[in-house]
All heavy atoms as atom14 arrays in JSON, in Angstrom:
{
  "sequence": "NPVLLRLLAVAGLLSFTTELAQAQLVLYALQDLGLDEAAFGVFA",
  "atom14_mask": [
    [1, 1, 1, 1, 1, 1, 1, 1, 0, 0, 0, 0, 0, 0],
    [1, 1, 1, 1, 1, 1, 1, 0, 0, 0, 0, 0, 0, 0],
    [1, 1, 1, 1, 1, 1, 1, 0, 0, 0, 0, 0, 0, 0],
    [1, 1, 1, 1, 1, 1, 1, 1, 0, 0, 0, 0, 0, 0],
    [1, 1, 1, 1, 1, 1, 1, 1, 0, 0, 0, 0, 0, 0],
    [1, 1, 1, 1, 1, 1, 1, 1, 1, 1, 1, 0, 0, 0],
    [1, 1, 1, 1, 1, 1, 1, 1, 0, 0, 0, 0, 0, 0],
    [1, 1, 1, 1, 1, 1, 1, 1, 0, 0, 0, 0, 0, 0],
    [1, 1, 1, 1, 1, 0, 0, 0, 0, 0, 0, 0, 0, 0],
    [1, 1, 1, 1, 1, 1, 1, 0, 0, 0, 0, 0, 0, 0],
    [1, 1, 1, 1, 1, 0, 0, 0, 0, 0, 0, 0, 0, 0],
    [1, 1, 1, 1, 0, 0, 0, 0, 0, 0, 0, 0, 0, 0],
    [1, 1, 1, 1, 1, 1, 1, 1, 0, 0, 0, 0, 0, 0],
    [1, 1, 1, 1, 1, 1, 1, 1, 0, 0, 0, 0, 0, 0],
    [1, 1, 1, 1, 1, 1, 0, 0, 0, 0, 0, 0, 0, 0],
    [1, 1, 1, 1, 1, 1, 1, 1, 1, 1, 1, 0, 0, 0],
    [1, 1, 1, 1, 1, 1, 1, 0, 0, 0, 0, 0, 0, 0],
    [1, 1, 1, 1, 1, 1, 1, 0, 0, 0, 0, 0, 0, 0],
    [1, 1, 1, 1, 1, 1, 1, 1, 1, 0, 0, 0, 0, 0],
    [1, 1, 1, 1, 1, 1, 1, 1, 0, 0, 0, 0, 0, 0],
    [1, 1, 1, 1, 1, 0, 0, 0, 0, 0, 0, 0, 0, 0],
    [1, 1, 1, 1, 1, 1, 1, 1, 1, 0, 0, 0, 0, 0],
    [1, 1, 1, 1, 1, 0, 0, 0, 0, 0, 0, 0, 0, 0],
    [1, 1, 1, 1, 1, 1, 1, 1, 1, 0, 0, 0, 0, 0],
    [1, 1, 1, 1, 1, 1, 1, 1, 0, 0, 0, 0, 0, 0],
    [1, 1, 1, 1, 1, 1, 1, 0, 0, 0, 0, 0, 0, 0],
    [1, 1, 1, 1, 1, 1, 1, 1, 0, 0, 0, 0, 0, 0],
    [1, 1, 1, 1, 1, 1, 1, 1, 1, 1, 1, 1, 0, 0],
    [1, 1, 1, 1, 1, 0, 0, 0, 0, 0, 0, 0, 0, 0],
    [1, 1, 1, 1, 1, 1, 1, 1, 0, 0, 0, 0, 0, 0],
    [1, 1, 1, 1, 1, 1, 1, 1, 1, 0, 0, 0, 0, 0],
    [1, 1, 1, 1, 1, 1, 1, 1, 0, 0, 0, 0, 0, 0],
    [1, 1, 1, 1, 1, 1, 1, 1, 0, 0, 0, 0, 0, 0],
    [1, 1, 1, 1, 0, 0, 0, 0, 0, 0, 0, 0, 0, 0],
    [1, 1, 1, 1, 1, 1, 1, 1, 0, 0, 0, 0, 0, 0],
    [1, 1, 1, 1, 1, 1, 1, 1, 0, 0, 0, 0, 0, 0],
    [1, 1, 1, 1, 1, 1, 1, 1, 1, 0, 0, 0, 0, 0],
    [1, 1, 1, 1, 1, 0, 0, 0, 0, 0, 0, 0, 0, 0],
    [1, 1, 1, 1, 1, 0, 0, 0, 0, 0, 0, 0, 0, 0],
    [1, 1, 1, 1, 1, 1, 1, 1, 1, 1, 1, 0, 0, 0],
    [1, 1, 1, 1, 0, 0, 0, 0, 0, 0, 0, 0, 0, 0],
    [1, 1, 1, 1, 1, 1, 1, 0, 0, 0, 0, 0, 0, 0],
    [1, 1, 1, 1, 1, 1, 1, 1, 1, 1, 1, 0, 0, 0],
    [1, 1, 1, 1, 1, 0, 0, 0, 0, 0, 0, 0, 0, 0]
  ],
  "atom14_positions": [
    [[-28.06, 4.82, 7.49], [-27.33, 6.04, 7.17], [-26.56, 5.83, 5.87], [-25.4, 5.42, 5.88], [-26.36, 6.41, 8.3], [-25.8, 7.82, 8.14], [-25.09, 8.09, 7.2], [-26.14, 8.7, 9.07], [0.0, 0.0, 0.0], [0.0, 0.0, 0.0], [0.0, 0.0, 0.0], [0.0, 0.0, 0.0], [0.0, 0.0, 0.0], [0.0, 0.0, 0.0]],
    [[-27.19, 6.08, 4.74], [-26.57, 5.74, 3.45], [-25.25, 6.45, 3.18], [-24.37, 5.89, 2.53], [-27.64, 6.13, 2.42], [-28.55, 7.08, 3.14], [-28.53, 6.67, 4.56], [0.0, 0.0, 0.0], [0.0, 0.0, 0.0], [0.0, 0.0, 0.0], [0.0, 0.0, 0.0], [0.0, 0.0, 0.0], [0.0, 0.0, 0.0], [0.0, 0.0, 0.0]],
    [[-25.09, 7.69, 3.67], [-23.84, 8.4, 3.42], [-22.68, 7.69, 4.09], [-21.65, 7.41, 3.46], [-23.93, 9.86, 3.91], [-22.56, 10.53, 3.85], [-24.94, 10.65, 3.08], [0.0, 0.0, 0.0], [0.0, 0.0, 0.0], [0.0, 0.0, 0.0], [0.0, 0.0, 0.0], [0.0, 0.0, 0.0], [0.0, 0.0, 0.0], [0.0, 0.0, 0.0]],
    [[-22.82, 7.37, 5.39], [-21.73, 6.71, 6.09], [-21.52, 5.29, 5.56], [-20.39, 4.8, 5.53], [-22.0, 6.68, 7.6], [-20.73, 6.48, 8.45], [-19.8, 7.68, 8.3], [-21.08, 6.26, 9.9], [0.0, 0.0, 0.0], [0.0, 0.0, 0.0], [0.0, 0.0, 0.0], [0.0, 0.0, 0.0], [0.0, 0.0, 0.0], [0.0, 0.0, 0.0]],
    [[-22.59, 4.64, 5.15], [-22.46, 3.29, 4.59], [-21.63, 3.33, 3.3], [-20.77, 2.48, 3.07], [-23.84, 2.7, 4.31], [-23.89, 1.2, 3.98], [-23.32, 0.38, 5.12], [-25.33, 0.8, 3.68], [0.0, 0.0, 0.0], [0.0, 0.0, 0.0], [0.0, 0.0, 0.0], [0.0, 0.0, 0.0], [0.0, 0.0, 0.0], [0.0, 0.0, 0.0]],
    [[-21.88, 4.34, 2.47], [-21.08, 4.48, 1.25], [-19.63, 4.82, 1.58], [-18.7, 4.35, 0.92], [-21.7, 5.53, 0.34], [-23.01, 5.09, -0.31], [-23.4, 6.0, -1.47], [-23.7, 7.36, -1.04], [-24.92, 7.78, -0.71], [-25.95, 6.94, -0.73], [-25.12, 9.03, -0.35], [0.0, 0.0, 0.0], [0.0, 0.0, 0.0], [0.0, 0.0, 0.0]],
    [[-19.43, 5.66, 2.6], [-18.07, 5.97, 3.02], [-17.35, 4.72, 3.5], [-16.15, 4.54, 3.24], [-18.08, 7.03, 4.12], [-18.42, 8.46, 3.7], [-18.48, 9.36, 4.93], [-17.42, 8.99, 2.69], [0.0, 0.0, 0.0], [0.0, 0.0, 0.0], [0.0, 0.0, 0.0], [0.0, 0.0, 0.0], [0.0, 0.0, 0.0], [0.0, 0.0, 0.0]],
    [[-18.05, 3.86, 4.22], [-17.45, 2.61, 4.68], [-17.05, 1.74, 3.49], [-15.96, 1.14, 3.48], [-18.43, 1.86, 5.58], [-18.0, 0.45, 6.03], [-16.66, 0.5, 6.77], [-19.08, -0.16, 6.91], [0.0, 0.0, 0.0], [0.0, 0.0, 0.0], [0.0, 0.0, 0.0], [0.0, 0.0, 0.0], [0.0, 0.0, 0.0], [0.0, 0.0, 0.0]],
    [[-17.91, 1.66, 2.49], [-17.58, 0.88, 1.3], [-16.34, 1.44, 0.61], [-15.44, 0.68, 0.19], [-18.76, 0.86, 0.34], [0.0, 0.0, 0.0], [0.0, 0.0, 0.0], [0.0, 0.0, 0.0], [0.0, 0.0, 0.0], [0.0, 0.0, 0.0], [0.0, 0.0, 0.0], [0.0, 0.0, 0.0], [0.0, 0.0, 0.0], [0.0, 0.0, 0.0]],
    [[-16.27, 2.76, 0.49], [-15.1, 3.39, -0.13], [-13.84, 3.12, 0.69], [-12.79, 2.78, 0.14], [-15.33, 4.91, -0.29], [-14.03, 5.61, -0.68], [-16.41, 5.19, -1.32], [0.0, 0.0, 0.0], [0.0, 0.0, 0.0], [0.0, 0.0, 0.0], [0.0, 0.0, 0.0], [0.0, 0.0, 0.0], [0.0, 0.0, 0.0], [0.0, 0.0, 0.0]],
    [[-13.94, 3.24, 2.03], [-12.78, 3.01, 2.9], [-12.29, 1.57, 2.78], [-11.08, 1.31, 2.73], [-13.13, 3.34, 4.35], [0.0, 0.0, 0.0], [0.0, 0.0, 0.0], [0.0, 0.0, 0.0], [0.0, 0.0, 0.0], [0.0, 0.0, 0.0], [0.0, 0.0, 0.0], [0.0, 0.0, 0.0], [0.0, 0.0, 0.0], [0.0, 0.0, 0.0]],
    [[-13.22, 0.61, 2.74], [-12.84, -0.78, 2.61], [-12.15, -1.06, 1.28], [-11.13, -1.75, 1.21], [0.0, 0.0, 0.0], [0.0, 0.0, 0.0], [0.0, 0.0, 0.0], [0.0, 0.0, 0.0], [0.0, 0.0, 0.0], [0.0, 0.0, 0.0], [0.0, 0.0, 0.0], [0.0, 0.0, 0.0], [0.0, 0.0, 0.0], [0.0, 0.0, 0.0]],
    [[-12.71, -0.52, 0.2], [-12.11, -0.71, -1.12], [-10.76, 0.0, -1.23], [-9.83, -0.51, -1.87], [-13.06, -0.2, -2.21], [-14.31, -1.04, -2.43], [-15.3, -0.32, -3.34], [-13.94, -2.4, -3.03], [0.0, 0.0, 0.0], [0.0, 0.0, 0.0], [0.0, 0.0, 0.0], [0.0, 0.0, 0.0], [0.0, 0.0, 0.0], [0.0, 0.0, 0.0]],
    [[-10.63, 1.16, -0.6], [-9.35, 1.86, -0.61], [-8.29, 1.05, 0.14], [-7.14, 0.93, -0.32], [-9.51, 3.24, 0.02], [-8.25, 4.12, 0.07], [-7.74, 4.39, -1.35], [-8.53, 5.42, 0.8], [0.0, 0.0, 0.0], [0.0, 0.0, 0.0], [0.0, 0.0, 0.0], [0.0, 0.0, 0.0], [0.0, 0.0, 0.0], [0.0, 0.0, 0.0]],
    [[-8.67, 0.5, 1.28], [-7.75, -0.34, 2.04], [-7.3, -1.53, 1.2], [-6.11, -1.88, 1.16], [-8.43, -0.81, 3.32], [-7.58, -1.63, 4.09], [0.0, 0.0, 0.0], [0.0, 0.0, 0.0], [0.0, 0.0, 0.0], [0.0, 0.0, 0.0], [0.0, 0.0, 0.0], [0.0, 0.0, 0.0], [0.0, 0.0, 0.0], [0.0, 0.0, 0.0]],
    [[-8.24, -2.16, 0.51], [-7.94, -3.33, -0.32], [-7.03, -2.96, -1.48], [-6.0, -3.62, -1.72], [-9.25, -3.93, -0.83], [-9.08, -5.1, -1.74], [-8.89, -6.37, -1.23], [-9.12, -4.93, -3.12], [-8.73, -7.46, -2.07], [-8.97, -6.01, -3.97], [-8.77, -7.28, -3.46], [0.0, 0.0, 0.0], [0.0, 0.0, 0.0], [0.0, 0.0, 0.0]],
    [[-7.36, -1.9, -2.22], [-6.6, -1.57, -3.42], [-5.21, -1.04, -3.1], [-4.25, -1.31, -3.84], [-7.36, -0.55, -4.29], [-7.69, 0.61, -3.5], [-8.64, -1.15, -4.84], [0.0, 0.0, 0.0], [0.0, 0.0, 0.0], [0.0, 0.0, 0.0], [0.0, 0.0, 0.0], [0.0, 0.0, 0.0], [0.0, 0.0, 0.0], [0.0, 0.0, 0.0]],
    [[-5.05, -0.28, -2.02], [-3.71, 0.21, -1.67], [-2.83, -0.93, -1.17], [-1.63, -0.96, -1.45], [-3.78, 1.31, -0.6], [-4.49, 0.84, 0.55], [-4.46, 2.56, -1.15], [0.0, 0.0, 0.0], [0.0, 0.0, 0.0], [0.0, 0.0, 0.0], [0.0, 0.0, 0.0], [0.0, 0.0, 0.0], [0.0, 0.0, 0.0], [0.0, 0.0, 0.0]],
    [[-3.42, -1.89, -0.46], [-2.61, -2.99, 0.08], [-2.11, -3.91, -1.02], [-1.11, -4.61, -0.82], [-3.42, -3.78, 1.12], [-2.61, -4.75, 1.95], [-1.54, -4.06, 2.8], [-1.68, -2.85, 3.08], [-0.57, -4.73, 3.17], [0.0, 0.0, 0.0], [0.0, 0.0, 0.0], [0.0, 0.0, 0.0], [0.0, 0.0, 0.0], [0.0, 0.0, 0.0]],
    [[-2.78, -3.95, -2.17], [-2.26, -4.72, -3.3], [-0.79, -4.4, -3.53], [0.04, -5.29, -3.73], [-3.05, -4.38, -4.57], [-4.51, -4.8, -4.7], [-5.11, -4.22, -5.97], [-4.63, -6.32, -4.69], [0.0, 0.0, 0.0], [0.0, 0.0, 0.0], [0.0, 0.0, 0.0], [0.0, 0.0, 0.0], [0.0, 0.0, 0.0], [0.0, 0.0, 0.0]],
    [[-0.48, -3.09, -3.5], [0.89, -2.65, -3.77], [1.73, -2.53, -2.51], [2.91, -2.87, -2.51], [0.85, -1.31, -4.5], [0.0, 0.0, 0.0], [0.0, 0.0, 0.0], [0.0, 0.0, 0.0], [0.0, 0.0, 0.0], [0.0, 0.0, 0.0], [0.0, 0.0, 0.0], [0.0, 0.0, 0.0], [0.0, 0.0, 0.0], [0.0, 0.0, 0.0]],
    [[1.14, -2.03, -1.42], [1.93, -1.81, -0.21], [2.57, -3.1, 0.29], [3.7, -3.08, 0.78], [1.05, -1.2, 0.89], [0.76, 0.27, 0.7], [0.38, 0.94, 2.0], [1.21, 1.54, 2.66], [-0.88, 0.85, 2.35], [0.0, 0.0, 0.0], [0.0, 0.0, 0.0], [0.0, 0.0, 0.0], [0.0, 0.0, 0.0], [0.0, 0.0, 0.0]],
    [[1.87, -4.21, 0.16], [2.43, -5.49, 0.6], [3.62, -5.91, -0.26], [4.41, -6.77, 0.15], [1.35, -6.58, 0.55], [0.0, 0.0, 0.0], [0.0, 0.0, 0.0], [0.0, 0.0, 0.0], [0.0, 0.0, 0.0], [0.0, 0.0, 0.0], [0.0, 0.0, 0.0], [0.0, 0.0, 0.0], [0.0, 0.0, 0.0], [0.0, 0.0, 0.0]],
    [[3.75, -5.32, -1.45], [4.85, -5.64, -2.36], [5.95, -4.59, -2.34], [6.88, -4.64, -3.15], [4.3, -5.78, -3.78], [3.23, -6.83, -3.95], [3.75, -8.22, -3.61], [4.71, -8.69, -4.2], [3.11, -8.86, -2.65], [0.0, 0.0, 0.0], [0.0, 0.0, 0.0], [0.0, 0.0, 0.0], [0.0, 0.0, 0.0], [0.0, 0.0, 0.0]],
    [[5.87, -3.62, -1.42], [6.8, -2.51, -1.42], [8.25, -2.97, -1.26], [9.16, -2.46, -1.93], [6.44, -1.51, -0.32], [7.31, -0.25, -0.24], [7.19, 0.57, -1.53], [6.9, 0.6, 0.97], [0.0, 0.0, 0.0], [0.0, 0.0, 0.0], [0.0, 0.0, 0.0], [0.0, 0.0, 0.0], [0.0, 0.0, 0.0], [0.0, 0.0, 0.0]],
    [[8.49, -3.94, -0.39], [9.87, -4.38, -0.16], [10.43, -5.03, -1.42], [11.6, -4.8, -1.79], [9.95, -5.33, 1.06], [9.17, -6.62, 0.81], [11.4, -5.64, 1.41], [0.0, 0.0, 0.0], [0.0, 0.0, 0.0], [0.0, 0.0, 0.0], [0.0, 0.0, 0.0], [0.0, 0.0, 0.0], [0.0, 0.0, 0.0], [0.0, 0.0, 0.0]],
    [[9.64, -5.83, -2.13], [10.11, -6.43, -3.37], [10.31, -5.37, -4.45], [11.26, -5.43, -5.24], [9.12, -7.49, -3.87], [8.97, -8.74, -3.01], [7.92, -9.67, -3.61], [10.31, -9.46, -2.86], [0.0, 0.0, 0.0], [0.0, 0.0, 0.0], [0.0, 0.0, 0.0], [0.0, 0.0, 0.0], [0.0, 0.0, 0.0], [0.0, 0.0, 0.0]],
    [[9.41, -4.4, -4.49], [9.53, -3.29, -5.44], [10.86, -2.55, -5.24], [11.58, -2.26, -6.2], [8.35, -2.34, -5.26], [8.45, -1.04, -6.02], [8.15, -0.98, -7.38], [8.84, 0.13, -5.37], [8.24, 0.22, -8.08], [8.93, 1.33, -6.06], [8.64, 1.37, -7.42], [8.72, 2.55, -8.1], [0.0, 0.0, 0.0], [0.0, 0.0, 0.0]],
    [[11.19, -2.27, -3.98], [12.41, -1.52, -3.69], [13.67, -2.35, -3.95], [14.62, -1.86, -4.58], [12.39, -1.04, -2.24], [0.0, 0.0, 0.0], [0.0, 0.0, 0.0], [0.0, 0.0, 0.0], [0.0, 0.0, 0.0], [0.0, 0.0, 0.0], [0.0, 0.0, 0.0], [0.0, 0.0, 0.0], [0.0, 0.0, 0.0], [0.0, 0.0, 0.0]],
    [[13.67, -3.6, -3.48], [14.88, -4.41, -3.58], [15.11, -4.96, -4.98], [16.24, -4.99, -5.46], [14.81, -5.57, -2.57], [14.71, -5.18, -1.09], [14.67, -6.42, -0.22], [15.86, -4.28, -0.67], [0.0, 0.0, 0.0], [0.0, 0.0, 0.0], [0.0, 0.0, 0.0], [0.0, 0.0, 0.0], [0.0, 0.0, 0.0], [0.0, 0.0, 0.0]],
    [[14.04, -5.41, -5.64], [14.19, -6.06, -6.94], [14.04, -5.09, -8.1], [14.9, -5.01, -8.98], [13.18, -7.21, -7.07], [13.41, -8.33, -6.06], [12.41, -9.47, -6.22], [11.48, -9.4, -7.03], [12.59, -10.52, -5.44], [0.0, 0.0, 0.0], [0.0, 0.0, 0.0], [0.0, 0.0, 0.0], [0.0, 0.0, 0.0], [0.0, 0.0, 0.0]],
    [[12.95, -4.33, -8.12], [12.69, -3.47, -9.28], [13.58, -2.23, -9.29], [14.01, -1.78, -10.36], [11.22, -3.06, -9.31], [10.29, -4.23, -9.56], [10.73, -5.39, -9.39], [9.12, -4.0, -9.92], [0.0, 0.0, 0.0], [0.0, 0.0, 0.0], [0.0, 0.0, 0.0], [0.0, 0.0, 0.0], [0.0, 0.0, 0.0], [0.0, 0.0, 0.0]],
    [[13.84, -1.66, -8.12], [14.68, -0.47, -8.05], [16.14, -0.78, -7.72], [16.99, 0.08, -7.84], [14.13, 0.52, -7.01], [12.74, 1.09, -7.29], [12.33, 2.04, -6.17], [12.67, 1.8, -8.63], [0.0, 0.0, 0.0], [0.0, 0.0, 0.0], [0.0, 0.0, 0.0], [0.0, 0.0, 0.0], [0.0, 0.0, 0.0], [0.0, 0.0, 0.0]],
    [[16.41, -2.01, -7.27], [17.78, -2.42, -6.98], [18.36, -1.81, -5.73], [19.59, -1.69, -5.61], [0.0, 0.0, 0.0], [0.0, 0.0, 0.0], [0.0, 0.0, 0.0], [0.0, 0.0, 0.0], [0.0, 0.0, 0.0], [0.0, 0.0, 0.0], [0.0, 0.0, 0.0], [0.0, 0.0, 0.0], [0.0, 0.0, 0.0], [0.0, 0.0, 0.0]],
    [[17.53, -1.44, -4.77], [18.03, -0.86, -3.52], [18.5, -1.96, -2.57], [18.1, -3.13, -2.69], [16.92, -0.04, -2.85], [16.36, 1.14, -3.65], [15.23, 1.8, -2.86], [17.45, 2.14, -3.97], [0.0, 0.0, 0.0], [0.0, 0.0, 0.0], [0.0, 0.0, 0.0], [0.0, 0.0, 0.0], [0.0, 0.0, 0.0], [0.0, 0.0, 0.0]],
    [[19.33, -1.58, -1.6], [19.69, -2.54, -0.55], [18.75, -2.37, 0.63], [17.9, -1.49, 0.66], [21.16, -2.39, -0.13], [21.48, -0.99, 0.39], [20.55, -0.29, 0.85], [22.65, -0.6, 0.35], [0.0, 0.0, 0.0], [0.0, 0.0, 0.0], [0.0, 0.0, 0.0], [0.0, 0.0, 0.0], [0.0, 0.0, 0.0], [0.0, 0.0, 0.0]],
    [[18.92, -3.24, 1.63], [18.0, -3.25, 2.77], [18.03, -1.93, 3.54], [17.0, -1.45, 4.02], [18.31, -4.42, 3.71], [17.92, -5.78, 3.18], [18.92, -6.33, 2.16], [19.94, -5.66, 1.88], [18.67, -7.44, 1.64], [0.0, 0.0, 0.0], [0.0, 0.0, 0.0], [0.0, 0.0, 0.0], [0.0, 0.0, 0.0], [0.0, 0.0, 0.0]],
    [[19.22, -1.34, 3.66], [19.32, -0.07, 4.4], [18.58, 1.04, 3.67], [17.87, 1.84, 4.28], [20.79, 0.3, 4.59], [0.0, 0.0, 0.0], [0.0, 0.0, 0.0], [0.0, 0.0, 0.0], [0.0, 0.0, 0.0], [0.0, 0.0, 0.0], [0.0, 0.0, 0.0], [0.0, 0.0, 0.0], [0.0, 0.0, 0.0], [0.0, 0.0, 0.0]],
    [[18.73, 1.09, 2.35], [18.06, 2.13, 1.57], [16.55, 1.95, 1.59], [15.81, 2.93, 1.48], [18.58, 2.13, 0.13], [0.0, 0.0, 0.0], [0.0, 0.0, 0.0], [0.0, 0.0, 0.0], [0.0, 0.0, 0.0], [0.0, 0.0, 0.0], [0.0, 0.0, 0.0], [0.0, 0.0, 0.0], [0.0, 0.0, 0.0], [0.0, 0.0, 0.0]],
    [[16.09, 0.7, 1.75], [14.66, 0.48, 1.79], [14.01, 1.23, 2.94], [12.87, 1.7, 2.85], [14.36, -1.02, 1.91], [12.93, -1.34, 2.22], [11.93, -1.08, 1.29], [12.56, -1.86, 3.45], [10.6, -1.36, 1.57], [11.24, -2.14, 3.74], [10.25, -1.88, 2.8], [0.0, 0.0, 0.0], [0.0, 0.0, 0.0], [0.0, 0.0, 0.0]],
    [[14.75, 1.38, 4.05], [14.2, 2.09, 5.2], [13.85, 3.53, 4.9], [13.02, 4.13, 5.59], [0.0, 0.0, 0.0], [0.0, 0.0, 0.0], [0.0, 0.0, 0.0], [0.0, 0.0, 0.0], [0.0, 0.0, 0.0], [0.0, 0.0, 0.0], [0.0, 0.0, 0.0], [0.0, 0.0, 0.0], [0.0, 0.0, 0.0], [0.0, 0.0, 0.0]],
    [[14.46, 4.1, 3.85], [14.16, 5.48, 3.48], [12.7, 5.62, 3.04], [12.08, 6.66, 3.25], [15.11, 5.95, 2.35], [14.73, 7.34, 1.87], [16.55, 5.92, 2.85], [0.0, 0.0, 0.0], [0.0, 0.0, 0.0], [0.0, 0.0, 0.0], [0.0, 0.0, 0.0], [0.0, 0.0, 0.0], [0.0, 0.0, 0.0], [0.0, 0.0, 0.0]],
    [[12.14, 4.56, 2.44], [10.75, 4.62, 2.02], [9.83, 4.87, 3.22], [8.9, 5.68, 3.14], [10.34, 3.33, 1.3], [10.6, 3.35, -0.17], [11.81, 2.91, -0.68], [9.65, 3.83, -1.06], [12.06, 2.93, -2.03], [9.88, 3.85, -2.42], [11.1, 3.4, -2.91], [0.0, 0.0, 0.0], [0.0, 0.0, 0.0], [0.0, 0.0, 0.0]],
    [[10.09, 4.16, 4.31], [9.27, 4.36, 5.51], [9.43, 5.77, 6.04], [8.45, 6.41, 6.45], [9.66, 3.34, 6.59], [0.0, 0.0, 0.0], [0.0, 0.0, 0.0], [0.0, 0.0, 0.0], [0.0, 0.0, 0.0], [0.0, 0.0, 0.0], [0.0, 0.0, 0.0], [0.0, 0.0, 0.0], [0.0, 0.0, 0.0], [0.0, 0.0, 0.0]]
  ]
}
């Protein structure tokens, strides 16, 4: 099923590329934006 296979490839790559940044969200908020731990919860 080439359509679903391509969708799976896109989903896997999307998961990979978004996690590059999502895993760094806490550092982004605390260090780059200068937020405190309580304010970080607003992102969620």
